[in-house]
N, C-alpha and C. Protein backbone atom coordinates (compact mmCIF):
# COMPACT_ATOMS: atom_id res chain seq x y z
N MET A 1 40.65 11.34 -42.23
CA MET A 1 41.28 12.65 -42.94
C MET A 1 42.74 12.56 -43.57
N SER A 2 43.01 13.19 -44.48
CA SER A 2 44.51 13.14 -45.56
C SER A 2 45.62 13.24 -44.37
N THR A 3 46.94 12.42 -44.63
CA THR A 3 47.87 12.66 -43.79
C THR A 3 48.65 13.61 -45.03
N GLU A 4 48.48 14.11 -46.16
CA GLU A 4 49.52 14.76 -46.79
C GLU A 4 49.14 16.22 -46.39
N HIS A 5 50.35 16.85 -46.29
CA HIS A 5 50.82 17.78 -46.06
C HIS A 5 50.33 19.04 -46.58
N GLN A 6 49.19 20.04 -46.16
CA GLN A 6 48.72 20.88 -47.08
C GLN A 6 48.72 22.66 -46.22
N MET A 7 48.29 22.76 -47.59
CA MET A 7 47.89 24.55 -47.13
C MET A 7 46.55 24.62 -46.56
N LEU A 8 46.28 25.12 -45.69
CA LEU A 8 44.60 25.41 -45.29
C LEU A 8 43.86 26.48 -45.43
N TYR A 9 44.22 27.82 -45.57
CA TYR A 9 44.19 28.73 -45.38
C TYR A 9 44.97 29.79 -46.47
N ALA A 10 44.14 30.68 -46.88
CA ALA A 10 44.84 31.83 -47.90
C ALA A 10 44.46 33.16 -47.94
N ALA A 11 44.98 34.06 -47.53
CA ALA A 11 44.00 35.45 -47.62
C ALA A 11 45.27 36.36 -48.05
N ILE A 12 44.46 37.87 -48.27
CA ILE A 12 44.92 38.73 -48.76
C ILE A 12 44.46 39.59 -47.79
N ALA A 13 44.95 40.53 -46.94
CA ALA A 13 44.89 41.86 -46.45
C ALA A 13 44.86 43.50 -46.37
N ARG A 14 44.57 43.90 -45.73
CA ARG A 14 44.65 45.60 -45.97
C ARG A 14 44.47 45.71 -44.69
N ASP A 15 45.42 46.64 -44.15
CA ASP A 15 45.90 47.23 -43.59
C ASP A 15 45.84 46.45 -41.77
N GLN A 16 46.22 45.02 -41.74
CA GLN A 16 46.10 44.45 -40.20
C GLN A 16 45.25 43.96 -40.18
N LYS A 17 43.96 44.59 -41.19
CA LYS A 17 42.47 43.97 -40.27
C LYS A 17 41.44 44.17 -41.24
N HIS A 18 41.36 44.42 -42.45
CA HIS A 18 40.81 44.23 -43.31
C HIS A 18 40.74 42.81 -44.06
N ILE A 19 40.13 41.68 -44.01
CA ILE A 19 40.38 40.63 -44.73
C ILE A 19 40.16 40.70 -46.55
N LEU A 20 40.44 40.94 -47.60
CA LEU A 20 39.71 41.20 -48.87
C LEU A 20 39.54 39.84 -49.58
N CYS A 21 40.02 38.80 -49.42
CA CYS A 21 39.69 37.97 -50.15
C CYS A 21 40.56 36.57 -49.23
N ASN A 22 39.59 35.00 -49.60
CA ASN A 22 40.17 34.81 -48.83
C ASN A 22 39.90 32.97 -49.23
N TYR A 23 40.63 32.11 -48.72
CA TYR A 23 39.80 30.88 -49.19
C TYR A 23 40.08 29.99 -48.09
N GLU A 24 39.53 29.13 -47.57
CA GLU A 24 39.70 28.05 -46.90
C GLU A 24 39.13 26.61 -47.29
N LEU A 25 40.38 25.85 -47.11
CA LEU A 25 40.19 24.12 -47.18
C LEU A 25 38.73 23.46 -46.32
N SER A 26 39.12 23.69 -45.24
CA SER A 26 37.75 23.33 -44.21
C SER A 26 36.74 24.69 -43.55
N VAL A 27 36.11 24.61 -44.13
CA VAL A 27 34.72 25.77 -43.37
C VAL A 27 34.58 25.10 -41.57
N GLN A 28 34.93 24.13 -41.26
CA GLN A 28 34.63 24.03 -40.31
C GLN A 28 35.49 24.14 -38.86
N SER A 29 36.68 24.59 -39.45
CA SER A 29 37.73 25.17 -38.52
C SER A 29 37.68 26.72 -37.77
N ASN A 30 38.67 26.53 -36.44
CA ASN A 30 38.51 28.12 -36.41
C ASN A 30 39.38 28.71 -36.75
N ILE A 31 40.08 28.67 -38.02
CA ILE A 31 41.70 29.47 -38.31
C ILE A 31 41.08 30.77 -39.24
N PRO A 32 39.99 31.22 -39.60
CA PRO A 32 39.69 32.77 -40.22
C PRO A 32 39.60 33.27 -38.15
N GLN A 33 39.06 32.68 -37.30
CA GLN A 33 39.59 33.88 -36.14
C GLN A 33 40.87 33.57 -35.95
N MET A 34 41.29 32.62 -35.87
CA MET A 34 43.17 32.63 -35.79
C MET A 34 43.86 33.72 -36.20
N VAL A 35 43.72 33.62 -37.78
CA VAL A 35 44.36 34.38 -38.56
C VAL A 35 43.99 36.22 -38.09
N LEU A 36 42.45 36.29 -37.71
CA LEU A 36 42.08 38.05 -37.51
C LEU A 36 43.31 38.32 -36.23
N GLN A 37 43.31 37.20 -35.08
CA GLN A 37 44.26 37.71 -34.13
C GLN A 37 46.00 37.71 -34.55
N VAL A 38 46.34 36.57 -35.75
CA VAL A 38 47.39 36.55 -35.84
C VAL A 38 47.84 38.12 -36.66
N LEU A 39 46.75 38.51 -37.61
CA LEU A 39 46.88 39.84 -37.99
C LEU A 39 47.03 41.24 -37.02
N SER A 40 46.39 41.01 -36.27
CA SER A 40 46.13 42.24 -35.23
C SER A 40 47.71 42.40 -34.29
N ARG A 41 48.58 40.88 -34.21
CA ARG A 41 49.77 41.50 -33.88
C ARG A 41 50.80 41.51 -34.80
N LEU A 42 50.33 41.68 -36.24
CA LEU A 42 51.88 41.34 -36.42
C LEU A 42 52.47 43.30 -36.95
N LYS A 43 53.70 43.46 -37.43
CA LYS A 43 54.21 44.73 -37.47
C LYS A 43 54.33 45.01 -39.21
N LYS A 44 54.50 45.94 -39.25
CA LYS A 44 54.02 46.45 -40.75
C LYS A 44 55.50 46.47 -41.01
N GLU A 45 56.85 46.79 -40.14
CA GLU A 45 57.55 46.98 -41.06
C GLU A 45 58.60 45.40 -41.18
N THR A 46 57.94 44.85 -40.66
CA THR A 46 58.14 42.99 -40.59
C THR A 46 57.94 42.61 -42.27
N LYS A 47 58.98 42.35 -43.27
CA LYS A 47 58.42 41.98 -44.72
C LYS A 47 57.99 40.46 -44.52
N MET A 48 58.62 39.89 -43.89
CA MET A 48 58.36 38.54 -44.37
C MET A 48 58.41 37.59 -42.98
N SER A 49 57.70 36.74 -42.56
CA SER A 49 57.74 35.80 -41.23
C SER A 49 56.98 34.52 -41.22
N CYS A 50 56.81 33.78 -40.05
CA CYS A 50 56.41 32.90 -39.93
C CYS A 50 55.75 32.67 -38.36
N GLU A 51 54.61 32.42 -38.18
CA GLU A 51 54.32 32.43 -36.80
C GLU A 51 53.51 31.03 -36.55
N ILE A 52 53.86 30.66 -35.32
CA ILE A 52 53.31 29.51 -35.08
C ILE A 52 51.71 29.89 -33.86
N ASN A 53 51.20 28.74 -34.31
CA ASN A 53 49.90 29.30 -33.14
C ASN A 53 49.22 27.69 -33.36
N GLN A 54 49.44 27.15 -32.25
CA GLN A 54 48.88 25.99 -31.81
C GLN A 54 49.02 25.14 -32.64
N ASP A 55 48.59 24.39 -33.77
CA ASP A 55 49.57 23.27 -34.75
C ASP A 55 49.76 23.74 -36.37
N PHE A 56 49.44 25.14 -36.18
CA PHE A 56 49.61 25.81 -37.93
C PHE A 56 50.72 26.85 -37.62
N PHE A 57 50.77 26.79 -38.65
CA PHE A 57 51.86 27.78 -39.40
C PHE A 57 51.27 28.73 -39.94
N PHE A 58 51.35 30.41 -39.59
CA PHE A 58 51.12 31.39 -40.58
C PHE A 58 52.20 32.03 -40.84
N HIS A 59 51.80 32.29 -42.63
CA HIS A 59 53.15 32.58 -43.61
C HIS A 59 52.47 34.03 -43.65
N TYR A 60 53.52 34.72 -43.96
CA TYR A 60 53.07 36.14 -44.40
C TYR A 60 53.96 36.67 -44.92
N ILE A 61 53.43 37.67 -45.74
CA ILE A 61 54.16 38.81 -46.38
C ILE A 61 54.00 40.06 -45.86
N ASN A 62 54.64 40.98 -46.19
CA ASN A 62 53.62 42.68 -46.04
C ASN A 62 54.58 43.35 -47.10
N GLU A 63 53.49 43.80 -47.38
CA GLU A 63 53.97 44.66 -48.92
C GLU A 63 52.87 45.30 -49.17
N ASP A 64 53.38 47.33 -49.03
CA ASP A 64 52.70 48.49 -49.11
C ASP A 64 51.77 48.18 -47.68
N SER A 65 50.50 48.32 -48.22
CA SER A 65 49.42 48.06 -47.03
C SER A 65 48.80 46.67 -47.13
N TYR A 66 49.70 46.00 -47.86
CA TYR A 66 48.92 44.55 -48.10
C TYR A 66 49.51 43.72 -47.33
N THR A 67 48.92 42.49 -46.57
CA THR A 67 49.68 41.34 -46.02
C THR A 67 48.88 40.04 -46.56
N TYR A 68 49.59 39.35 -47.42
CA TYR A 68 49.81 38.00 -48.09
C TYR A 68 49.98 36.92 -46.64
N LEU A 69 48.93 36.65 -46.56
CA LEU A 69 48.82 35.53 -45.63
C LEU A 69 48.55 34.00 -46.24
N CYS A 70 49.19 32.83 -45.37
CA CYS A 70 48.35 31.58 -45.27
C CYS A 70 49.13 30.80 -44.46
N VAL A 71 48.04 29.87 -44.50
CA VAL A 71 48.11 28.91 -43.03
C VAL A 71 48.30 27.51 -43.57
N SER A 72 49.56 26.81 -43.05
CA SER A 72 49.23 25.24 -43.32
C SER A 72 49.23 24.45 -42.11
N ASP A 73 49.63 23.25 -41.94
CA ASP A 73 49.90 22.54 -40.96
C ASP A 73 51.30 22.78 -40.60
N ALA A 74 52.10 22.04 -39.91
CA ALA A 74 53.52 22.41 -39.41
C ALA A 74 54.65 22.00 -40.00
N ALA A 75 54.21 20.38 -41.00
CA ALA A 75 54.77 19.75 -41.88
C ALA A 75 54.98 20.34 -43.06
N TYR A 76 54.02 21.19 -43.60
CA TYR A 76 54.52 21.54 -44.43
C TYR A 76 55.45 22.56 -45.10
N SER A 77 56.00 22.26 -46.51
CA SER A 77 57.15 23.21 -46.66
C SER A 77 56.57 24.79 -46.17
N LYS A 78 58.19 25.27 -45.24
CA LYS A 78 58.07 26.89 -45.51
C LYS A 78 58.76 27.64 -46.73
N ARG A 79 59.56 27.34 -47.83
CA ARG A 79 59.64 27.24 -49.00
C ARG A 79 58.44 27.35 -50.05
N LEU A 80 57.65 26.24 -49.90
CA LEU A 80 56.33 26.18 -50.80
C LEU A 80 55.88 27.41 -50.52
N ALA A 81 55.26 27.59 -49.07
CA ALA A 81 54.58 28.49 -48.57
C ALA A 81 54.70 29.84 -48.82
N PHE A 82 56.38 30.15 -49.06
CA PHE A 82 56.27 31.90 -49.63
C PHE A 82 56.77 31.91 -50.84
N SER A 83 56.84 30.68 -51.63
CA SER A 83 56.78 30.84 -52.78
C SER A 83 55.27 31.20 -53.34
N PHE A 84 54.59 30.64 -52.74
CA PHE A 84 53.08 30.82 -53.06
C PHE A 84 52.51 31.92 -53.15
N LEU A 85 52.82 32.56 -51.63
CA LEU A 85 52.94 33.93 -51.30
C LEU A 85 53.14 35.48 -52.54
N GLU A 86 54.89 35.15 -52.69
CA GLU A 86 55.37 35.78 -53.53
C GLU A 86 54.58 35.66 -55.06
N GLN A 87 53.62 34.67 -55.46
CA GLN A 87 52.78 34.78 -56.69
C GLN A 87 51.76 35.46 -56.39
N ILE A 88 51.13 35.53 -55.70
CA ILE A 88 50.09 35.95 -55.25
C ILE A 88 50.16 37.60 -55.23
């Protein structure tokens, strides 16, 4: 296993419940299920935030009816994660 800090998952969701597209680095994780739980708790009025769940950071941006989300390990730069989300 790599010790490099990494982004593990990215997704675009509509209305906090429908994932329109996603990318997962490792298909042997439970991150997609965790993402659905995080999405169900998000508040639409929160523009940008980060939530910690277990050892993962869930960075997200809400814009219109869409949520742009990425999951990283705890050591990954928040600045890089939000920069990535702003680009997609």
